[in-house]
Amino acid sequence: MPAKTATKKPAAATTAPASKKTTAKKAPAATDFKNFEPYKPKRGEEYMSDAQLAHFKNILRKWKAELMQEVDRTVMHMKDEAANFPDPADRATQEEEFSLELRTRDRERKLIKKIDQTIERLEQDDYGFCDACGIEIGIKRLEARPTATLCIDCKTLAEIKERQEMG
């Protein structure tokens, strides 16, 4: 009995670090902007204080930098992998892969533009307030979606209206 217990403990100890290793090696997604310390407002701190604005500006700039790195990686990948395959199936596969990658980069290009607009709003002290009703969007919502321009209630209403119009 003691031998089995001794055998199980090292196995469990070996398994735990191995799972940590695999999660550590996982590359972050291009749109992953979750690598930040959540903001903890101080008691009595005014909404969208200088510290909060700096926090969100930092998040947006890091997110944009990650997206720009992904664009550079795509360009290098397409240059390196571009080949004129004699087999039509291989050519079609490569073209489809490139097409998918370009569509993804186009979506990210639009996101970068939205990030730039959000940074501009930050610099004009127009960040963090709902475009529709003017109330505070909220720190947690902005951390989840830094480019949000609507509070959760207005966004929910907009989505309901959109679903009704689409049928």
C-alpha atoms as a PDB file:
ATOM      1  CA  MET A   1       0.000   0.000   0.000  1.00  0.00           C
ATOM      2  CA  PRO A   2       2.658   2.577   0.863  1.00  0.00           C
ATOM      3  CA  ALA A   3       4.429   1.819  -2.427  1.00  0.00           C
ATOM      4  CA  LYS A   4       1.292   2.687  -4.408  1.00  0.00           C
ATOM      5  CA  THR A   5       0.889   5.954  -2.551  1.00  0.00           C
ATOM      6  CA  ALA A   6       4.503   6.850  -3.232  1.00  0.00           C
ATOM      7  CA  THR A   7       4.008   5.994  -6.910  1.00  0.00           C
ATOM      8  CA  LYS A   8       0.852   8.093  -7.189  1.00  0.00           C
ATOM      9  CA  LYS A   9       2.339  11.214  -5.598  1.00  0.00           C
ATOM     10  CA  PRO A  10       5.216  11.620  -8.078  1.00  0.00           C
ATOM     11  CA  ALA A  11       2.841  10.922 -10.959  1.00  0.00           C
ATOM     12  CA  ALA A  12       0.485  13.649  -9.770  1.00  0.00           C
ATOM     13  CA  ALA A  13       3.389  16.012  -9.170  1.00  0.00           C
ATOM     14  CA  THR A  14       4.741  15.270 -12.652  1.00  0.00           C
ATOM     15  CA  THR A  15       1.339  15.754 -14.273  1.00  0.00           C
ATOM     16  CA  ALA A  16       0.667  19.168 -12.732  1.00  0.00           C
ATOM     17  CA  PRO A  17       3.838  20.883 -13.996  1.00  0.00           C
ATOM     18  CA  ALA A  18       3.414  19.286 -17.422  1.00  0.00           C
ATOM     19  CA  SER A  19      -0.033  20.838 -17.804  1.00  0.00           C
ATOM     20  CA  LYS A  20       1.374  24.171 -16.700  1.00  0.00           C
ATOM     21  CA  LYS A  21       4.109  23.866 -19.306  1.00  0.00           C
ATOM     22  CA  THR A  22       1.633  23.301 -22.116  1.00  0.00           C
ATOM     23  CA  THR A  23      -0.432  26.322 -21.124  1.00  0.00           C
ATOM     24  CA  ALA A  24       2.697  28.448 -20.838  1.00  0.00           C
ATOM     25  CA  LYS A  25       3.805  27.480 -24.354  1.00  0.00           C
ATOM     26  CA  LYS A  26       0.441  28.333 -25.888  1.00  0.00           C
ATOM     27  CA  ALA A  27       0.852  31.425 -28.025  1.00  0.00           C
ATOM     28  CA  PRO A  28      -1.603  34.253 -27.353  1.00  0.00           C
ATOM     29  CA  ALA A  29      -4.180  34.966 -30.027  1.00  0.00           C
ATOM     30  CA  ALA A  30      -3.701  38.035 -32.156  1.00  0.00           C
ATOM     31  CA  THR A  31      -6.678  39.750 -30.584  1.00  0.00           C
ATOM     32  CA  ASP A  32      -5.817  38.681 -27.053  1.00  0.00           C
ATOM     33  CA  PHE A  33      -5.584  41.815 -24.954  1.00  0.00           C
ATOM     34  CA  LYS A  34      -6.202  40.135 -21.633  1.00  0.00           C
ATOM     35  CA  ASN A  35      -2.561  40.377 -20.542  1.00  0.00           C
ATOM     36  CA  PHE A  36      -3.086  43.242 -18.124  1.00  0.00           C
ATOM     37  CA  GLU A  37      -3.660  43.797 -14.448  1.00  0.00           C
ATOM     38  CA  PRO A  38      -7.355  44.649 -13.890  1.00  0.00           C
ATOM     39  CA  TYR A  39      -7.799  48.179 -12.625  1.00  0.00           C
ATOM     40  CA  LYS A  40      -8.764  48.500  -8.975  1.00  0.00           C
ATOM     41  CA  PRO A  41     -10.331  51.909  -8.393  1.00  0.00           C
ATOM     42  CA  LYS A  42      -9.387  53.631  -5.172  1.00  0.00           C
ATOM     43  CA  ARG A  43     -12.093  54.580  -2.738  1.00  0.00           C
ATOM     44  CA  GLY A  44     -13.706  57.858  -3.812  1.00  0.00           C
ATOM     45  CA  GLU A  45     -11.785  57.934  -7.096  1.00  0.00           C
ATOM     46  CA  GLU A  46     -13.500  59.856  -9.856  1.00  0.00           C
ATOM     47  CA  TYR A  47     -14.631  57.867 -12.909  1.00  0.00           C
ATOM     48  CA  MET A  48     -12.147  58.143 -15.797  1.00  0.00           C
ATOM     49  CA  SER A  49      -9.466  59.717 -13.650  1.00  0.00           C
ATOM     50  CA  ASP A  50      -5.998  60.201 -15.102  1.00  0.00           C
ATOM     51  CA  ALA A  51      -4.915  56.806 -13.719  1.00  0.00           C
ATOM     52  CA  GLN A  52      -7.882  55.064 -15.347  1.00  0.00           C
ATOM     53  CA  LEU A  53      -7.321  56.824 -18.657  1.00  0.00           C
ATOM     54  CA  ALA A  54      -3.650  55.805 -18.571  1.00  0.00           C
ATOM     55  CA  HIS A  55      -4.700  52.214 -17.797  1.00  0.00           C
ATOM     56  CA  PHE A  56      -6.975  52.033 -20.837  1.00  0.00           C
ATOM     57  CA  LYS A  57      -4.508  53.836 -23.097  1.00  0.00           C
ATOM     58  CA  ASN A  58      -1.916  51.231 -22.118  1.00  0.00           C
ATOM     59  CA  ILE A  59      -4.337  48.365 -22.869  1.00  0.00           C
ATOM     60  CA  LEU A  60      -5.246  49.834 -26.268  1.00  0.00           C
ATOM     61  CA  ARG A  61      -1.638  50.490 -27.277  1.00  0.00           C
ATOM     62  CA  LYS A  62      -0.527  46.982 -26.310  1.00  0.00           C
ATOM     63  CA  TRP A  63      -3.468  45.470 -28.184  1.00  0.00           C
ATOM     64  CA  LYS A  64      -2.661  47.507 -31.275  1.00  0.00           C
ATOM     65  CA  ALA A  65       1.009  46.513 -31.064  1.00  0.00           C
ATOM     66  CA  GLU A  66       0.032  42.820 -30.902  1.00  0.00           C
ATOM     67  CA  LEU A  67      -2.187  43.217 -33.957  1.00  0.00           C
ATOM     68  CA  MET A  68       0.563  45.018 -35.868  1.00  0.00           C
ATOM     69  CA  GLN A  69       3.006  42.213 -35.040  1.00  0.00           C
ATOM     70  CA  GLU A  70       0.487  39.745 -36.416  1.00  0.00           C
ATOM     71  CA  VAL A  71       0.279  41.751 -39.644  1.00  0.00           C
ATOM     72  CA  ASP A  72       4.067  41.643 -39.972  1.00  0.00           C
ATOM     73  CA  ARG A  73       4.059  37.914 -39.264  1.00  0.00           C
ATOM     74  CA  THR A  74       1.473  37.368 -41.992  1.00  0.00           C
ATOM     75  CA  VAL A  75       3.479  39.310 -44.553  1.00  0.00           C
ATOM     76  CA  MET A  76       6.600  37.304 -43.736  1.00  0.00           C
ATOM     77  CA  HIS A  77       4.660  34.028 -43.792  1.00  0.00           C
ATOM     78  CA  MET A  78       3.128  34.771 -47.177  1.00  0.00           C
ATOM     79  CA  LYS A  79       6.514  35.754 -48.625  1.00  0.00           C
ATOM     80  CA  ASP A  80       8.243  32.689 -47.218  1.00  0.00           C
ATOM     81  CA  GLU A  81       5.517  30.185 -48.031  1.00  0.00           C
ATOM     82  CA  ALA A  82       4.563  31.480 -51.476  1.00  0.00           C
ATOM     83  CA  ALA A  83       5.335  28.780 -53.994  1.00  0.00           C
ATOM     84  CA  ASN A  84       4.120  27.855 -57.438  1.00  0.00           C
ATOM     85  CA  PHE A  85       2.998  24.297 -56.899  1.00  0.00           C
ATOM     86  CA  PRO A  86       2.650  22.166 -60.047  1.00  0.00           C
ATOM     87  CA  ASP A  87      -0.292  20.289 -58.546  1.00  0.00           C
ATOM     88  CA  PRO A  88      -3.544  22.293 -58.861  1.00  0.00           C
ATOM     89  CA  ALA A  89      -4.844  20.880 -55.562  1.00  0.00           C
ATOM     90  CA  ASP A  90      -1.737  22.110 -53.718  1.00  0.00           C
ATOM     91  CA  ARG A  91      -2.057  25.542 -55.344  1.00  0.00           C
ATOM     92  CA  ALA A  92      -5.734  25.709 -54.387  1.00  0.00           C
ATOM     93  CA  THR A  93      -4.937  24.735 -50.802  1.00  0.00           C
ATOM     94  CA  GLN A  94      -2.278  27.430 -50.547  1.00  0.00           C
ATOM     95  CA  GLU A  95      -4.560  30.046 -52.099  1.00  0.00           C
ATOM     96  CA  GLU A  96      -7.357  29.145 -49.694  1.00  0.00           C
ATOM     97  CA  GLU A  97      -4.973  29.370 -46.741  1.00  0.00           C
ATOM     98  CA  PHE A  98      -3.744  32.778 -47.893  1.00  0.00           C
ATOM     99  CA  SER A  99      -7.307  33.941 -48.529  1.00  0.00           C
ATOM    100  CA  LEU A 100      -8.380  32.952 -45.033  1.00  0.00           C
ATOM    101  CA  GLU A 101      -5.353  34.657 -43.529  1.00  0.00           C
ATOM    102  CA  LEU A 102      -5.999  37.836 -45.528  1.00  0.00           C
ATOM    103  CA  ARG A 103      -9.645  37.933 -44.416  1.00  0.00           C
ATOM    104  CA  THR A 104      -8.506  37.639 -40.826  1.00  0.00           C
ATOM    105  CA  ARG A 105      -5.977  40.438 -41.302  1.00  0.00           C
ATOM    106  CA  ASP A 106      -8.661  42.606 -42.921  1.00  0.00           C
ATOM    107  CA  ARG A 107     -10.841  42.199 -39.837  1.00  0.00           C
ATOM    108  CA  GLU A 108      -7.842  43.071 -37.685  1.00  0.00           C
ATOM    109  CA  ARG A 109      -7.118  46.110 -39.883  1.00  0.00           C
ATOM    110  CA  LYS A 110     -10.641  47.339 -39.148  1.00  0.00           C
ATOM    111  CA  LEU A 111     -10.071  46.638 -35.460  1.00  0.00           C
ATOM    112  CA  ILE A 112      -6.826  48.634 -35.523  1.00  0.00           C
ATOM    113  CA  LYS A 113      -8.754  51.539 -37.034  1.00  0.00           C
ATOM    114  CA  LYS A 114     -11.328  51.237 -34.242  1.00  0.00           C
ATOM    115  CA  ILE A 115      -8.538  51.136 -31.645  1.00  0.00           C
ATOM    116  CA  ASP A 116      -7.052  54.319 -33.155  1.00  0.00           C
ATOM    117  CA  GLN A 117     -10.468  56.017 -32.944  1.00  0.00           C
ATOM    118  CA  THR A 118     -10.785  54.897 -29.326  1.00  0.00           C
ATOM    119  CA  ILE A 119      -7.324  56.256 -28.461  1.00  0.00           C
ATOM    120  CA  GLU A 120      -8.365  59.548 -30.063  1.00  0.00           C
ATOM    121  CA  ARG A 121     -11.509  59.589 -27.895  1.00  0.00           C
ATOM    122  CA  LEU A 122      -9.311  58.923 -24.871  1.00  0.00           C
ATOM    123  CA  GLU A 123      -7.125  61.908 -25.680  1.00  0.00           C
ATOM    124  CA  GLN A 124     -10.205  64.117 -26.136  1.00  0.00           C
ATOM    125  CA  ASP A 125     -11.579  63.067 -22.710  1.00  0.00           C
ATOM    126  CA  ASP A 126     -14.611  61.518 -24.408  1.00  0.00           C
ATOM    127  CA  TYR A 127     -13.843  57.939 -23.389  1.00  0.00           C
ATOM    128  CA  GLY A 128     -15.832  55.739 -21.041  1.00  0.00           C
ATOM    129  CA  PHE A 129     -19.245  57.314 -21.547  1.00  0.00           C
ATOM    130  CA  CYS A 130     -22.123  55.875 -23.570  1.00  0.00           C
ATOM    131  CA  ASP A 131     -22.680  57.523 -26.958  1.00  0.00           C
ATOM    132  CA  ALA A 132     -26.430  56.941 -26.716  1.00  0.00           C
ATOM    133  CA  CYS A 133     -27.354  57.944 -23.174  1.00  0.00           C
ATOM    134  CA  GLY A 134     -24.186  59.520 -21.749  1.00  0.00           C
ATOM    135  CA  ILE A 135     -23.867  57.371 -18.641  1.00  0.00           C
ATOM    136  CA  GLU A 136     -20.675  55.653 -17.521  1.00  0.00           C
ATOM    137  CA  ILE A 137     -19.900  52.484 -19.473  1.00  0.00           C
ATOM    138  CA  GLY A 138     -18.014  51.009 -16.531  1.00  0.00           C
ATOM    139  CA  ILE A 139     -14.453  49.884 -15.959  1.00  0.00           C
ATOM    140  CA  LYS A 140     -15.190  46.138 -16.090  1.00  0.00           C
ATOM    141  CA  ARG A 141     -17.053  46.459 -19.412  1.00  0.00           C
ATOM    142  CA  LEU A 142     -14.282  48.595 -20.878  1.00  0.00           C
ATOM    143  CA  GLU A 143     -11.683  46.069 -19.775  1.00  0.00           C
ATOM    144  CA  ALA A 144     -13.715  43.343 -21.481  1.00  0.00           C
ATOM    145  CA  ARG A 145     -14.250  45.474 -24.605  1.00  0.00           C
ATOM    146  CA  PRO A 146     -11.912  48.507 -24.613  1.00  0.00           C
ATOM    147  CA  THR A 147     -13.457  49.869 -27.816  1.00  0.00           C
ATOM    148  CA  ALA A 148     -17.020  49.860 -26.417  1.00  0.00           C
ATOM    149  CA  THR A 149     -18.981  53.039 -27.102  1.00  0.00           C
ATOM    150  CA  LEU A 150     -22.302  51.961 -25.586  1.00  0.00           C
ATOM    151  CA  CYS A 151     -23.247  50.998 -22.055  1.00  0.00           C
ATOM    152  CA  ILE A 152     -24.538  47.472 -21.602  1.00  0.00           C
ATOM    153  CA  ASP A 153     -28.205  48.559 -21.565  1.00  0.00           C
ATOM    154  CA  CYS A 154     -27.962  50.559 -24.814  1.00  0.00           C
ATOM    155  CA  LYS A 155     -25.951  47.797 -26.473  1.00  0.00           C
ATOM    156  CA  THR A 156     -28.551  45.211 -25.461  1.00  0.00           C
ATOM    157  CA  LEU A 157     -31.345  47.391 -26.889  1.00  0.00           C
ATOM    158  CA  ALA A 158     -29.389  47.912 -30.116  1.00  0.00           C
ATOM    159  CA  GLU A 159     -28.908  44.147 -30.491  1.00  0.00           C
ATOM    160  CA  ILE A 160     -32.615  43.485 -29.877  1.00  0.00           C
ATOM    161  CA  LYS A 161     -33.566  46.067 -32.516  1.00  0.00           C
ATOM    162  CA  GLU A 162     -31.060  44.570 -34.952  1.00  0.00           C
ATOM    163  CA  ARG A 163     -32.504  41.070 -34.446  1.00  0.00           C
ATOM    164  CA  GLN A 164     -36.031  42.357 -34.988  1.00  0.00           C
ATOM    165  CA  GLU A 165     -35.043  44.165 -38.196  1.00  0.00           C
ATOM    166  CA  MET A 166     -33.185  41.139 -39.530  1.00  0.00           C
ATOM    167  CA  GLY A 167     -36.214  38.926 -38.852  1.00  0.00           C
END
